[in-house]
Amino acid sequence: MIATDLGETKLSELTTGSQDMINGLAIGEAGAPFEIDAGWSSIVLCARQDGIESLPSRDQVENRLFGQELGMISDRELRNSRRNATILIR
């Protein structure tokens, strides 16, 4: 028996058949054996990252939007101040 570590592999990098097999597995579960050129093989799902952890939290989104709004307000006020400014040349 030869074990090969695929490391962290994106699901999109695998064949459709492999994707279907992995989607049906729970963490730590081995897939059904399948035949390859060198004999038989099986896949064990060790971990799964769904990408949900990388999404910002509600507070982070709110803070980012608030910061953008403050930036737009300050830009508008600065633009209005420049428009209303009087330039004296002596």
N, C-alpha and C. Protein backbone atom coordinates (compact mmCIF):
# COMPACT_ATOMS: atom_id res chain seq x y z
N MET A 1 0.84 -1.17 0.00
CA MET A 1 0.00 0.00 0.00
C MET A 1 0.88 1.23 0.00
N ILE A 2 0.58 2.18 -0.87
CA ILE A 2 1.34 3.43 -0.96
C ILE A 2 0.39 4.57 -0.64
N ALA A 3 0.79 5.42 0.30
CA ALA A 3 -0.02 6.59 0.67
C ALA A 3 0.60 7.83 0.05
N THR A 4 -0.23 8.65 -0.55
CA THR A 4 0.22 9.90 -1.15
C THR A 4 -0.59 11.04 -0.55
N ASP A 5 0.12 12.01 0.00
CA ASP A 5 -0.54 13.18 0.59
C ASP A 5 -0.77 14.21 -0.51
N LEU A 6 -2.02 14.53 -0.78
CA LEU A 6 -2.34 15.55 -1.78
C LEU A 6 -2.20 16.95 -1.23
N GLY A 7 -1.96 17.06 0.07
CA GLY A 7 -1.85 18.37 0.70
C GLY A 7 -3.18 19.08 0.67
N GLU A 8 -3.14 20.40 0.65
CA GLU A 8 -4.36 21.19 0.53
C GLU A 8 -4.65 21.38 -0.94
N THR A 9 -5.66 20.72 -1.41
CA THR A 9 -6.02 20.75 -2.82
C THR A 9 -7.39 21.38 -2.97
N LYS A 10 -7.52 22.29 -3.92
CA LYS A 10 -8.82 22.88 -4.20
C LYS A 10 -9.69 21.86 -4.91
N LEU A 11 -10.95 21.85 -4.58
CA LEU A 11 -11.88 20.92 -5.18
C LEU A 11 -11.95 21.11 -6.69
N SER A 12 -11.80 22.35 -7.13
CA SER A 12 -11.88 22.65 -8.56
C SER A 12 -10.70 22.08 -9.35
N GLU A 13 -9.62 21.71 -8.65
CA GLU A 13 -8.44 21.14 -9.32
C GLU A 13 -8.59 19.65 -9.58
N LEU A 14 -9.63 19.03 -9.03
CA LEU A 14 -9.83 17.59 -9.18
C LEU A 14 -10.81 17.29 -10.30
N THR A 15 -10.82 16.05 -10.73
CA THR A 15 -11.76 15.64 -11.78
C THR A 15 -13.18 15.64 -11.22
N THR A 16 -14.14 15.64 -12.11
CA THR A 16 -15.54 15.65 -11.69
C THR A 16 -15.89 14.44 -10.84
N GLY A 17 -15.38 13.28 -11.21
CA GLY A 17 -15.64 12.07 -10.42
C GLY A 17 -15.08 12.18 -9.02
N SER A 18 -13.87 12.73 -8.91
CA SER A 18 -13.25 12.90 -7.59
C SER A 18 -14.02 13.93 -6.77
N GLN A 19 -14.47 15.00 -7.41
CA GLN A 19 -15.25 16.02 -6.72
C GLN A 19 -16.53 15.43 -6.13
N ASP A 20 -17.23 14.62 -6.93
CA ASP A 20 -18.46 14.00 -6.48
C ASP A 20 -18.20 13.08 -5.28
N MET A 21 -17.09 12.32 -5.35
CA MET A 21 -16.74 11.40 -4.27
C MET A 21 -16.44 12.18 -2.99
N ILE A 22 -15.66 13.24 -3.10
CA ILE A 22 -15.24 14.01 -1.92
C ILE A 22 -16.42 14.76 -1.32
N ASN A 23 -17.32 15.28 -2.15
CA ASN A 23 -18.49 15.99 -1.62
C ASN A 23 -19.35 15.09 -0.75
N GLY A 24 -19.34 13.79 -1.01
CA GLY A 24 -20.14 12.85 -0.23
C GLY A 24 -19.47 12.33 1.02
N LEU A 25 -18.22 12.73 1.27
CA LEU A 25 -17.48 12.23 2.43
C LEU A 25 -17.56 13.17 3.62
N ALA A 26 -17.57 12.58 4.80
CA ALA A 26 -17.43 13.35 6.04
C ALA A 26 -15.94 13.39 6.39
N ILE A 27 -15.55 14.32 7.24
CA ILE A 27 -14.15 14.44 7.63
C ILE A 27 -13.72 13.15 8.34
N GLY A 28 -12.60 12.58 7.91
CA GLY A 28 -12.07 11.34 8.47
C GLY A 28 -12.60 10.09 7.79
N GLU A 29 -13.52 10.25 6.88
CA GLU A 29 -14.13 9.10 6.20
C GLU A 29 -13.36 8.77 4.92
N ALA A 30 -13.24 7.49 4.62
CA ALA A 30 -12.57 7.03 3.40
C ALA A 30 -13.61 6.79 2.32
N GLY A 31 -13.26 7.16 1.11
CA GLY A 31 -14.14 6.93 -0.03
C GLY A 31 -14.06 5.49 -0.50
N ALA A 32 -14.96 5.13 -1.36
CA ALA A 32 -14.96 3.78 -1.92
C ALA A 32 -13.72 3.58 -2.78
N PRO A 33 -13.14 2.40 -2.79
CA PRO A 33 -11.96 2.13 -3.63
C PRO A 33 -12.33 2.27 -5.11
N PHE A 34 -11.36 2.79 -5.87
CA PHE A 34 -11.56 2.92 -7.31
C PHE A 34 -10.28 2.49 -8.01
N GLU A 35 -10.42 2.02 -9.24
CA GLU A 35 -9.29 1.48 -9.98
C GLU A 35 -8.56 2.58 -10.73
N ILE A 36 -7.22 2.55 -10.63
CA ILE A 36 -6.36 3.44 -11.40
C ILE A 36 -5.38 2.57 -12.18
N ASP A 37 -4.51 3.20 -12.97
CA ASP A 37 -3.57 2.44 -13.80
C ASP A 37 -2.65 1.54 -12.98
N ALA A 38 -2.24 2.01 -11.80
CA ALA A 38 -1.29 1.26 -10.98
C ALA A 38 -1.96 0.29 -10.02
N GLY A 39 -3.27 0.18 -10.05
CA GLY A 39 -3.97 -0.73 -9.13
C GLY A 39 -5.25 -0.09 -8.62
N TRP A 40 -5.44 -0.16 -7.31
CA TRP A 40 -6.62 0.39 -6.67
C TRP A 40 -6.23 1.53 -5.75
N SER A 41 -7.14 2.47 -5.57
CA SER A 41 -6.86 3.62 -4.73
C SER A 41 -8.12 4.00 -3.95
N SER A 42 -7.92 4.79 -2.92
CA SER A 42 -9.02 5.31 -2.13
C SER A 42 -8.62 6.68 -1.61
N ILE A 43 -9.60 7.52 -1.35
CA ILE A 43 -9.35 8.87 -0.85
C ILE A 43 -9.91 8.98 0.56
N VAL A 44 -9.12 9.58 1.47
CA VAL A 44 -9.57 9.87 2.82
C VAL A 44 -9.60 11.38 2.99
N LEU A 45 -10.73 11.90 3.40
CA LEU A 45 -10.88 13.34 3.60
C LEU A 45 -10.44 13.68 5.02
N CYS A 46 -9.32 14.41 5.13
CA CYS A 46 -8.76 14.73 6.44
C CYS A 46 -9.30 16.04 7.00
N ALA A 47 -9.56 17.01 6.15
CA ALA A 47 -10.06 18.32 6.59
C ALA A 47 -10.81 18.96 5.44
N ARG A 48 -11.62 19.94 5.79
CA ARG A 48 -12.38 20.65 4.75
C ARG A 48 -12.46 22.12 5.15
N GLN A 49 -12.20 22.98 4.17
CA GLN A 49 -12.37 24.42 4.37
C GLN A 49 -13.41 24.88 3.38
N ASP A 50 -14.51 25.38 3.89
CA ASP A 50 -15.59 25.81 3.02
C ASP A 50 -15.47 27.28 2.65
N GLY A 51 -14.52 27.99 3.23
CA GLY A 51 -14.35 29.40 2.91
C GLY A 51 -15.19 30.32 3.77
N ILE A 52 -16.05 29.77 4.58
CA ILE A 52 -16.91 30.59 5.42
C ILE A 52 -16.08 31.33 6.47
N GLU A 53 -15.00 30.71 6.94
CA GLU A 53 -14.18 31.34 7.96
C GLU A 53 -13.52 32.61 7.44
N SER A 54 -13.31 32.70 6.14
CA SER A 54 -12.62 33.86 5.59
C SER A 54 -13.55 35.04 5.34
N LEU A 55 -14.85 34.85 5.50
CA LEU A 55 -15.78 35.95 5.32
C LEU A 55 -15.68 36.90 6.49
N PRO A 56 -15.79 38.21 6.23
CA PRO A 56 -15.73 39.16 7.35
C PRO A 56 -16.99 39.05 8.21
N SER A 57 -16.84 39.40 9.47
CA SER A 57 -17.99 39.36 10.38
C SER A 57 -18.91 40.55 10.09
N ARG A 58 -20.07 40.51 10.67
CA ARG A 58 -21.04 41.60 10.48
C ARG A 58 -20.46 42.92 10.97
N ASP A 59 -19.77 42.89 12.12
CA ASP A 59 -19.16 44.11 12.67
C ASP A 59 -18.07 44.66 11.75
N GLN A 60 -17.28 43.77 11.17
CA GLN A 60 -16.22 44.22 10.27
C GLN A 60 -16.80 44.89 9.03
N VAL A 61 -17.87 44.32 8.48
CA VAL A 61 -18.52 44.91 7.31
C VAL A 61 -19.11 46.27 7.69
N GLU A 62 -19.76 46.33 8.84
CA GLU A 62 -20.36 47.58 9.29
C GLU A 62 -19.29 48.66 9.48
N ASN A 63 -18.17 48.30 10.10
CA ASN A 63 -17.08 49.25 10.31
C ASN A 63 -16.48 49.73 9.00
N ARG A 64 -16.33 48.81 8.05
CA ARG A 64 -15.78 49.19 6.75
C ARG A 64 -16.72 50.16 6.02
N LEU A 65 -18.02 49.86 6.04
CA LEU A 65 -18.99 50.74 5.38
C LEU A 65 -19.05 52.10 6.07
N PHE A 66 -18.97 52.11 7.40
CA PHE A 66 -18.98 53.36 8.14
C PHE A 66 -17.74 54.19 7.79
N GLY A 67 -16.58 53.54 7.70
CA GLY A 67 -15.36 54.24 7.31
C GLY A 67 -15.44 54.81 5.91
N GLN A 68 -16.03 54.05 4.99
CA GLN A 68 -16.20 54.55 3.62
C GLN A 68 -17.14 55.75 3.60
N GLU A 69 -18.21 55.68 4.38
CA GLU A 69 -19.16 56.79 4.44
C GLU A 69 -18.49 58.04 5.01
N LEU A 70 -17.70 57.88 6.08
CA LEU A 70 -16.97 59.02 6.64
C LEU A 70 -16.00 59.61 5.63
N GLY A 71 -15.34 58.75 4.87
CA GLY A 71 -14.42 59.21 3.84
C GLY A 71 -15.13 60.03 2.77
N MET A 72 -16.32 59.56 2.35
CA MET A 72 -17.07 60.29 1.33
C MET A 72 -17.55 61.64 1.87
N ILE A 73 -17.98 61.66 3.14
CA ILE A 73 -18.43 62.92 3.74
C ILE A 73 -17.27 63.91 3.83
N SER A 74 -16.10 63.44 4.27
CA SER A 74 -14.96 64.34 4.39
C SER A 74 -14.51 64.85 3.02
N ASP A 75 -14.54 64.00 1.99
CA ASP A 75 -14.20 64.44 0.64
C ASP A 75 -15.17 65.51 0.15
N ARG A 76 -16.47 65.30 0.42
CA ARG A 76 -17.48 66.25 -0.01
C ARG A 76 -17.30 67.59 0.70
N GLU A 77 -17.05 67.54 2.01
CA GLU A 77 -16.86 68.78 2.76
C GLU A 77 -15.61 69.53 2.31
N LEU A 78 -14.54 68.80 2.04
CA LEU A 78 -13.31 69.42 1.56
C LEU A 78 -13.54 70.06 0.19
N ARG A 79 -14.25 69.37 -0.69
CA ARG A 79 -14.56 69.90 -2.02
C ARG A 79 -15.41 71.16 -1.90
N ASN A 80 -16.42 71.14 -1.02
CA ASN A 80 -17.27 72.31 -0.82
C ASN A 80 -16.48 73.48 -0.24
N SER A 81 -15.57 73.19 0.67
CA SER A 81 -14.73 74.25 1.25
C SER A 81 -13.85 74.88 0.19
N ARG A 82 -13.29 74.10 -0.68
CA ARG A 82 -12.45 74.64 -1.76
C ARG A 82 -13.28 75.49 -2.71
N ARG A 83 -14.50 75.05 -2.99
CA ARG A 83 -15.39 75.78 -3.88
C ARG A 83 -15.76 77.15 -3.30
N ASN A 84 -15.98 77.18 -2.00
CA ASN A 84 -16.41 78.41 -1.34
C ASN A 84 -15.25 79.30 -0.90
N ALA A 85 -14.05 78.84 -1.07
CA ALA A 85 -12.90 79.60 -0.59
C ALA A 85 -12.69 80.85 -1.45
N THR A 86 -12.22 81.88 -0.81
CA THR A 86 -11.88 83.13 -1.50
C THR A 86 -10.38 83.24 -1.53
N ILE A 87 -9.85 83.47 -2.72
CA ILE A 87 -8.41 83.57 -2.89
C ILE A 87 -8.08 85.06 -3.06
N LEU A 88 -7.24 85.57 -2.17
CA LEU A 88 -6.81 86.95 -2.24
C LEU A 88 -5.41 87.02 -2.79
N ILE A 89 -5.24 87.80 -3.83
CA ILE A 89 -3.91 87.99 -4.40
C ILE A 89 -3.53 89.45 -4.16
N ARG A 90 -2.41 89.73 -3.52
CA ARG A 90 -2.00 91.09 -3.22
C ARG A 90 -0.74 91.43 -3.93
